[in-house]
Amino acid sequence: VERVLSEEEAAKLGQGGPFMALRADRTPEDSFRTDLAKLDMDIDRWEGVQRLLRTLPLATPSDKFYMASSYGRRKDPFNRRAAVHYGVDLAGVHKSPILSTAPGVIVFAGRNGKYGKMIEIDHGRGIHTRYGHLHRISVKTGQRVGFRERIGLMGSTGRSTGPHVHYEIRVNGTPYNPTKFFKVGKHVFKNWEG
């Protein structure tokens, strides 16, 4: 969050003006102006954080699921050999709704080898999410989707042992553990509601 926010601040928050040396004999008015300027910068930063949080994939792609397979090392479900898993498998009821985890643009919607029926969403800032093994895809490539919009139905297409959604988060092509995003989302959404 800090890296992305600092990039956004550098791009959007222009600063400048003539150089005015700080006087040693500051008046209360000077002090007030300095405090007011700092408060203004803090408010801009807070607004930037709120904008950023609205675009990050912090929600889960299903309302009702259990964690069938976590991120990282695991035994492959087919051959039982050691493997790495670059997403999480959220198992649930066959044909239950799969929702977009943040606003974005569909960059892929179709069959993708072992992923089966898959959707990939570009959320901007190099952040992409993937939703695999779907029963049905309800969106098209190029379509804009909003936060928590229905994009498909849970299924078991591709290399799958039963109904679930394989969910991935990639930043500039590098996979990240989605459960870390879910934990942040729990705190963010709880604070926005309360």
C-alpha atoms as a PDB file:
ATOM      1  CA  VAL A   1       0.000   0.000   0.000  1.00  0.00           C
ATOM      2  CA  GLU A   2       2.789   2.435   0.903  1.00  0.00           C
ATOM      3  CA  ARG A   3       4.588   1.913  -2.443  1.00  0.00           C
ATOM      4  CA  VAL A   4       1.437   2.381  -4.522  1.00  0.00           C
ATOM      5  CA  LEU A   5       0.309   5.354  -2.451  1.00  0.00           C
ATOM      6  CA  SER A   6       3.673   7.122  -2.768  1.00  0.00           C
ATOM      7  CA  GLU A   7       3.563   6.605  -6.558  1.00  0.00           C
ATOM      8  CA  GLU A   8       0.051   8.073  -6.674  1.00  0.00           C
ATOM      9  CA  GLU A   9       1.043  11.028  -4.473  1.00  0.00           C
ATOM     10  CA  ALA A  10       4.052  11.796  -6.668  1.00  0.00           C
ATOM     11  CA  ALA A  11       1.829  11.728  -9.765  1.00  0.00           C
ATOM     12  CA  LYS A  12      -1.087  13.759  -8.355  1.00  0.00           C
ATOM     13  CA  LEU A  13       0.237  16.047  -5.633  1.00  0.00           C
ATOM     14  CA  GLY A  14       2.120  18.874  -7.306  1.00  0.00           C
ATOM     15  CA  GLN A  15       4.059  21.188  -5.033  1.00  0.00           C
ATOM     16  CA  GLY A  16       5.969  24.374  -5.629  1.00  0.00           C
ATOM     17  CA  GLY A  17       6.024  28.097  -5.102  1.00  0.00           C
ATOM     18  CA  PRO A  18       8.691  30.632  -4.276  1.00  0.00           C
ATOM     19  CA  PHE A  19      11.252  29.770  -1.612  1.00  0.00           C
ATOM     20  CA  MET A  20      10.561  31.534   1.664  1.00  0.00           C
ATOM     21  CA  ALA A  21      13.212  30.942   4.303  1.00  0.00           C
ATOM     22  CA  LEU A  22      11.910  29.990   7.721  1.00  0.00           C
ATOM     23  CA  ARG A  23      12.353  32.917  10.063  1.00  0.00           C
ATOM     24  CA  ALA A  24      13.685  32.388  13.534  1.00  0.00           C
ATOM     25  CA  ASP A  25      11.150  34.878  14.908  1.00  0.00           C
ATOM     26  CA  ARG A  26       8.028  32.922  13.973  1.00  0.00           C
ATOM     27  CA  THR A  27       4.744  34.459  14.947  1.00  0.00           C
ATOM     28  CA  PRO A  28       1.671  32.488  16.110  1.00  0.00           C
ATOM     29  CA  GLU A  29       0.203  33.208  12.681  1.00  0.00           C
ATOM     30  CA  ASP A  30       3.233  31.570  10.992  1.00  0.00           C
ATOM     31  CA  SER A  31       2.859  28.558  13.258  1.00  0.00           C
ATOM     32  CA  PHE A  32      -0.858  28.328  12.467  1.00  0.00           C
ATOM     33  CA  ARG A  33      -0.184  28.451   8.701  1.00  0.00           C
ATOM     34  CA  THR A  34       2.439  25.712   9.002  1.00  0.00           C
ATOM     35  CA  ASP A  35       0.068  23.513  11.032  1.00  0.00           C
ATOM     36  CA  LEU A  36      -2.735  24.183   8.555  1.00  0.00           C
ATOM     37  CA  ALA A  37      -0.505  23.233   5.607  1.00  0.00           C
ATOM     38  CA  LYS A  38       0.500  19.983   7.357  1.00  0.00           C
ATOM     39  CA  LEU A  39      -3.144  19.184   8.109  1.00  0.00           C
ATOM     40  CA  ASP A  40      -4.015  19.840   4.462  1.00  0.00           C
ATOM     41  CA  MET A  41      -1.286  17.385   3.357  1.00  0.00           C
ATOM     42  CA  ASP A  42      -2.531  14.782   5.861  1.00  0.00           C
ATOM     43  CA  ILE A  43      -6.086  15.117   4.514  1.00  0.00           C
ATOM     44  CA  ASP A  44      -4.809  14.707   0.927  1.00  0.00           C
ATOM     45  CA  ARG A  45      -2.919  11.570   1.993  1.00  0.00           C
ATOM     46  CA  TRP A  46      -6.003  10.135   3.756  1.00  0.00           C
ATOM     47  CA  GLU A  47      -8.130  10.775   0.649  1.00  0.00           C
ATOM     48  CA  GLY A  48      -5.443   9.041  -1.425  1.00  0.00           C
ATOM     49  CA  VAL A  49      -5.533   6.027   0.900  1.00  0.00           C
ATOM     50  CA  GLN A  50      -9.322   5.849   0.605  1.00  0.00           C
ATOM     51  CA  ARG A  51      -9.146   6.018  -3.227  1.00  0.00           C
ATOM     52  CA  LEU A  52      -6.505   3.298  -3.248  1.00  0.00           C
ATOM     53  CA  LEU A  53      -8.466   1.018  -0.921  1.00  0.00           C
ATOM     54  CA  ARG A  54     -11.496   1.259  -3.231  1.00  0.00           C
ATOM     55  CA  THR A  55      -9.409  -0.186  -6.086  1.00  0.00           C
ATOM     56  CA  LEU A  56      -7.521  -2.992  -4.274  1.00  0.00           C
ATOM     57  CA  PRO A  57      -8.911  -6.570  -4.353  1.00  0.00           C
ATOM     58  CA  LEU A  58      -9.577  -6.882  -0.611  1.00  0.00           C
ATOM     59  CA  ALA A  59     -12.824  -8.884  -0.690  1.00  0.00           C
ATOM     60  CA  THR A  60     -13.369 -12.604  -1.224  1.00  0.00           C
ATOM     61  CA  PRO A  61     -14.797 -13.744  -4.578  1.00  0.00           C
ATOM     62  CA  SER A  62     -17.514 -15.802  -2.880  1.00  0.00           C
ATOM     63  CA  ASP A  63     -19.771 -15.099   0.090  1.00  0.00           C
ATOM     64  CA  LYS A  64     -19.985 -18.724   1.251  1.00  0.00           C
ATOM     65  CA  PHE A  65     -16.909 -20.950   0.998  1.00  0.00           C
ATOM     66  CA  TYR A  66     -14.309 -22.882   2.909  1.00  0.00           C
ATOM     67  CA  MET A  67     -10.573 -22.804   2.251  1.00  0.00           C
ATOM     68  CA  ALA A  68      -9.885 -26.052   0.378  1.00  0.00           C
ATOM     69  CA  SER A  69      -6.262 -25.253  -0.464  1.00  0.00           C
ATOM     70  CA  SER A  70      -4.075 -22.388   0.689  1.00  0.00           C
ATOM     71  CA  TYR A  71      -1.345 -20.412  -1.051  1.00  0.00           C
ATOM     72  CA  GLY A  72       2.194 -21.803  -1.284  1.00  0.00           C
ATOM     73  CA  ARG A  73       3.543 -25.323  -0.801  1.00  0.00           C
ATOM     74  CA  ARG A  74       1.075 -28.189  -0.942  1.00  0.00           C
ATOM     75  CA  LYS A  75       0.639 -31.762  -2.107  1.00  0.00           C
ATOM     76  CA  ASP A  76      -0.810 -31.839  -5.592  1.00  0.00           C
ATOM     77  CA  PRO A  77      -4.419 -33.136  -5.353  1.00  0.00           C
ATOM     78  CA  PHE A  78      -3.924 -35.466  -8.345  1.00  0.00           C
ATOM     79  CA  ASN A  79      -0.449 -36.972  -8.055  1.00  0.00           C
ATOM     80  CA  ARG A  80       0.236 -36.229  -4.337  1.00  0.00           C
ATOM     81  CA  ARG A  81       3.707 -34.831  -5.143  1.00  0.00           C
ATOM     82  CA  ALA A  82       5.135 -31.626  -3.622  1.00  0.00           C
ATOM     83  CA  ALA A  83       3.975 -28.579  -5.560  1.00  0.00           C
ATOM     84  CA  VAL A  84       3.503 -24.831  -5.292  1.00  0.00           C
ATOM     85  CA  HIS A  85       0.049 -23.231  -5.449  1.00  0.00           C
ATOM     86  CA  TYR A  86      -0.034 -19.578  -6.576  1.00  0.00           C
ATOM     87  CA  GLY A  87      -3.594 -18.953  -5.424  1.00  0.00           C
ATOM     88  CA  VAL A  88      -6.214 -20.185  -2.993  1.00  0.00           C
ATOM     89  CA  ASP A  89      -8.984 -22.694  -3.646  1.00  0.00           C
ATOM     90  CA  LEU A  90     -12.282 -21.579  -2.145  1.00  0.00           C
ATOM     91  CA  ALA A  91     -14.730 -24.490  -2.235  1.00  0.00           C
ATOM     92  CA  GLY A  92     -18.476 -24.081  -2.058  1.00  0.00           C
ATOM     93  CA  VAL A  93     -21.809 -24.945  -3.574  1.00  0.00           C
ATOM     94  CA  HIS A  94     -21.740 -25.757  -7.292  1.00  0.00           C
ATOM     95  CA  LYS A  95     -23.066 -22.835  -9.380  1.00  0.00           C
ATOM     96  CA  SER A  96     -22.879 -20.332  -6.494  1.00  0.00           C
ATOM     97  CA  PRO A  97     -22.093 -16.736  -7.565  1.00  0.00           C
ATOM     98  CA  ILE A  98     -18.490 -15.615  -8.093  1.00  0.00           C
ATOM     99  CA  LEU A  99     -17.995 -11.873  -7.556  1.00  0.00           C
ATOM    100  CA  SER A 100     -15.338  -9.406  -8.680  1.00  0.00           C
ATOM    101  CA  THR A 101     -13.144  -8.440  -5.746  1.00  0.00           C
ATOM    102  CA  ALA A 102     -12.506  -4.868  -6.974  1.00  0.00           C
ATOM    103  CA  PRO A 103     -13.489  -2.679  -9.921  1.00  0.00           C
ATOM    104  CA  GLY A 104     -11.625  -3.328 -13.157  1.00  0.00           C
ATOM    105  CA  VAL A 105     -11.644  -4.410 -16.798  1.00  0.00           C
ATOM    106  CA  ILE A 106     -12.000  -8.007 -17.978  1.00  0.00           C
ATOM    107  CA  VAL A 107      -8.827  -8.870 -19.907  1.00  0.00           C
ATOM    108  CA  PHE A 108      -9.592 -12.585 -20.340  1.00  0.00           C
ATOM    109  CA  ALA A 109     -12.824 -14.596 -20.223  1.00  0.00           C
ATOM    110  CA  GLY A 110     -12.794 -18.117 -21.608  1.00  0.00           C
ATOM    111  CA  ARG A 111     -11.107 -21.506 -21.423  1.00  0.00           C
ATOM    112  CA  ASN A 112      -7.505 -21.446 -20.247  1.00  0.00           C
ATOM    113  CA  GLY A 113      -6.012 -24.944 -20.127  1.00  0.00           C
ATOM    114  CA  LYS A 114      -5.848 -26.426 -16.639  1.00  0.00           C
ATOM    115  CA  TYR A 115      -7.627 -23.357 -15.177  1.00  0.00           C
ATOM    116  CA  GLY A 116     -10.736 -24.462 -17.084  1.00  0.00           C
ATOM    117  CA  LYS A 117     -13.178 -21.615 -17.595  1.00  0.00           C
ATOM    118  CA  MET A 118     -11.316 -18.581 -16.264  1.00  0.00           C
ATOM    119  CA  ILE A 119     -11.674 -14.822 -15.897  1.00  0.00           C
ATOM    120  CA  GLU A 120      -8.825 -12.348 -15.430  1.00  0.00           C
ATOM    121  CA  ILE A 121      -9.486  -8.763 -14.320  1.00  0.00           C
ATOM    122  CA  ASP A 122      -7.072  -5.828 -14.608  1.00  0.00           C
ATOM    123  CA  HIS A 123      -7.587  -3.501 -11.622  1.00  0.00           C
ATOM    124  CA  GLY A 124      -4.935  -0.971 -12.655  1.00  0.00           C
ATOM    125  CA  ARG A 125      -1.557  -0.298 -11.005  1.00  0.00           C
ATOM    126  CA  GLY A 126      -0.331  -3.672 -12.309  1.00  0.00           C
ATOM    127  CA  ILE A 127      -2.857  -5.601 -10.169  1.00  0.00           C
ATOM    128  CA  HIS A 128      -4.691  -8.543 -11.782  1.00  0.00           C
ATOM    129  CA  THR A 129      -7.003 -11.166 -10.291  1.00  0.00           C
ATOM    130  CA  ARG A 130      -7.785 -14.594 -11.752  1.00  0.00           C
ATOM    131  CA  TYR A 131     -10.848 -16.750 -11.139  1.00  0.00           C
ATOM    132  CA  GLY A 132     -10.494 -20.351 -12.361  1.00  0.00           C
ATOM    133  CA  HIS A 133     -12.530 -23.585 -12.716  1.00  0.00           C
ATOM    134  CA  LEU A 134     -15.800 -21.695 -13.264  1.00  0.00           C
ATOM    135  CA  HIS A 135     -19.006 -23.422 -14.318  1.00  0.00           C
ATOM    136  CA  ARG A 136     -20.184 -20.364 -16.257  1.00  0.00           C
ATOM    137  CA  ILE A 137     -18.651 -17.040 -17.260  1.00  0.00           C
ATOM    138  CA  SER A 138     -21.054 -14.074 -17.179  1.00  0.00           C
ATOM    139  CA  VAL A 139     -18.730 -11.355 -18.575  1.00  0.00           C
ATOM    140  CA  LYS A 140     -16.877 -10.579 -21.805  1.00  0.00           C
ATOM    141  CA  THR A 141     -13.346  -9.406 -22.537  1.00  0.00           C
ATOM    142  CA  GLY A 142     -13.172  -5.600 -22.458  1.00  0.00           C
ATOM    143  CA  GLN A 143     -16.163  -5.255 -20.117  1.00  0.00           C
ATOM    144  CA  ARG A 144     -15.854  -2.979 -17.061  1.00  0.00           C
ATOM    145  CA  VAL A 145     -16.987  -4.499 -13.777  1.00  0.00           C
ATOM    146  CA  GLY A 146     -17.649  -2.925 -10.412  1.00  0.00           C
ATOM    147  CA  PHE A 147     -16.859  -4.032  -6.892  1.00  0.00           C
ATOM    148  CA  ARG A 148     -18.670  -7.283  -5.930  1.00  0.00           C
ATOM    149  CA  GLU A 149     -20.306  -7.606  -9.360  1.00  0.00           C
ATOM    150  CA  ARG A 150     -21.344 -11.129 -10.369  1.00  0.00           C
ATOM    151  CA  ILE A 151     -18.907 -12.390 -13.013  1.00  0.00           C
ATOM    152  CA  GLY A 152     -19.588 -16.129 -13.092  1.00  0.00           C
ATOM    153  CA  LEU A 153     -20.623 -19.294 -11.277  1.00  0.00           C
ATOM    154  CA  MET A 154     -18.502 -21.669  -9.190  1.00  0.00           C
ATOM    155  CA  GLY A 155     -17.646 -24.876 -11.002  1.00  0.00           C
ATOM    156  CA  SER A 156     -15.128 -27.634 -11.539  1.00  0.00           C
ATOM    157  CA  THR A 157     -13.782 -27.167 -15.072  1.00  0.00           C
ATOM    158  CA  GLY A 158     -10.156 -27.802 -16.000  1.00  0.00           C
ATOM    159  CA  ARG A 159      -7.799 -29.596 -13.598  1.00  0.00           C
ATOM    160  CA  SER A 160     -10.173 -29.709 -10.637  1.00  0.00           C
ATOM    161  CA  THR A 161     -11.411 -32.280  -8.110  1.00  0.00           C
ATOM    162  CA  GLY A 162     -14.725 -30.586  -7.263  1.00  0.00           C
ATOM    163  CA  PRO A 163     -16.660 -27.288  -7.118  1.00  0.00           C
ATOM    164  CA  HIS A 164     -14.428 -24.375  -6.126  1.00  0.00           C
ATOM    165  CA  VAL A 165     -12.911 -21.163  -7.429  1.00  0.00           C
ATOM    166  CA  HIS A 166      -9.152 -20.957  -7.813  1.00  0.00           C
ATOM    167  CA  TYR A 167      -8.401 -17.305  -6.967  1.00  0.00           C
ATOM    168  CA  GLU A 168      -5.104 -15.536  -7.683  1.00  0.00           C
ATOM    169  CA  ILE A 169      -3.772 -12.027  -7.171  1.00  0.00           C
ATOM    170  CA  ARG A 170      -0.798 -10.924  -9.280  1.00  0.00           C
ATOM    171  CA  VAL A 171       1.033  -7.609  -9.092  1.00  0.00           C
ATOM    172  CA  ASN A 172       3.156  -6.881 -12.168  1.00  0.00           C
ATOM    173  CA  GLY A 173       3.009 -10.602 -12.954  1.00  0.00           C
ATOM    174  CA  THR A 174       4.198 -11.757  -9.509  1.00  0.00           C
ATOM    175  CA  PRO A 175       1.712 -13.862  -7.493  1.00  0.00           C
ATOM    176  CA  TYR A 176       0.799 -12.765  -3.946  1.00  0.00           C
ATOM    177  CA  ASN A 177      -1.042 -14.606  -1.183  1.00  0.00           C
ATOM    178  CA  PRO A 178      -4.745 -13.613  -1.425  1.00  0.00           C
ATOM    179  CA  THR A 179      -5.369 -14.379   2.270  1.00  0.00           C
ATOM    180  CA  LYS A 180      -3.200 -11.382   3.204  1.00  0.00           C
ATOM    181  CA  PHE A 181      -5.500  -9.183   1.104  1.00  0.00           C
ATOM    182  CA  PHE A 182      -8.570 -10.787   2.751  1.00  0.00           C
ATOM    183  CA  LYS A 183      -7.186  -9.950   6.236  1.00  0.00           C
ATOM    184  CA  VAL A 184      -6.678  -6.295   5.287  1.00  0.00           C
ATOM    185  CA  GLY A 185     -10.160  -6.249   3.760  1.00  0.00           C
ATOM    186  CA  LYS A 186     -11.763  -7.495   6.991  1.00  0.00           C
ATOM    187  CA  HIS A 187     -10.300  -4.517   8.867  1.00  0.00           C
ATOM    188  CA  VAL A 188     -11.046  -1.980   6.135  1.00  0.00           C
ATOM    189  CA  PHE A 189     -14.671  -3.022   5.603  1.00  0.00           C
ATOM    190  CA  LYS A 190     -15.323  -3.303   9.353  1.00  0.00           C
ATOM    191  CA  ASN A 191     -14.031   0.256   9.864  1.00  0.00           C
ATOM    192  CA  TRP A 192     -16.089   1.626   6.941  1.00  0.00           C
ATOM    193  CA  GLU A 193     -19.264   0.013   8.309  1.00  0.00           C
ATOM    194  CA  GLY A 194     -18.673   1.050  11.927  1.00  0.00           C
END
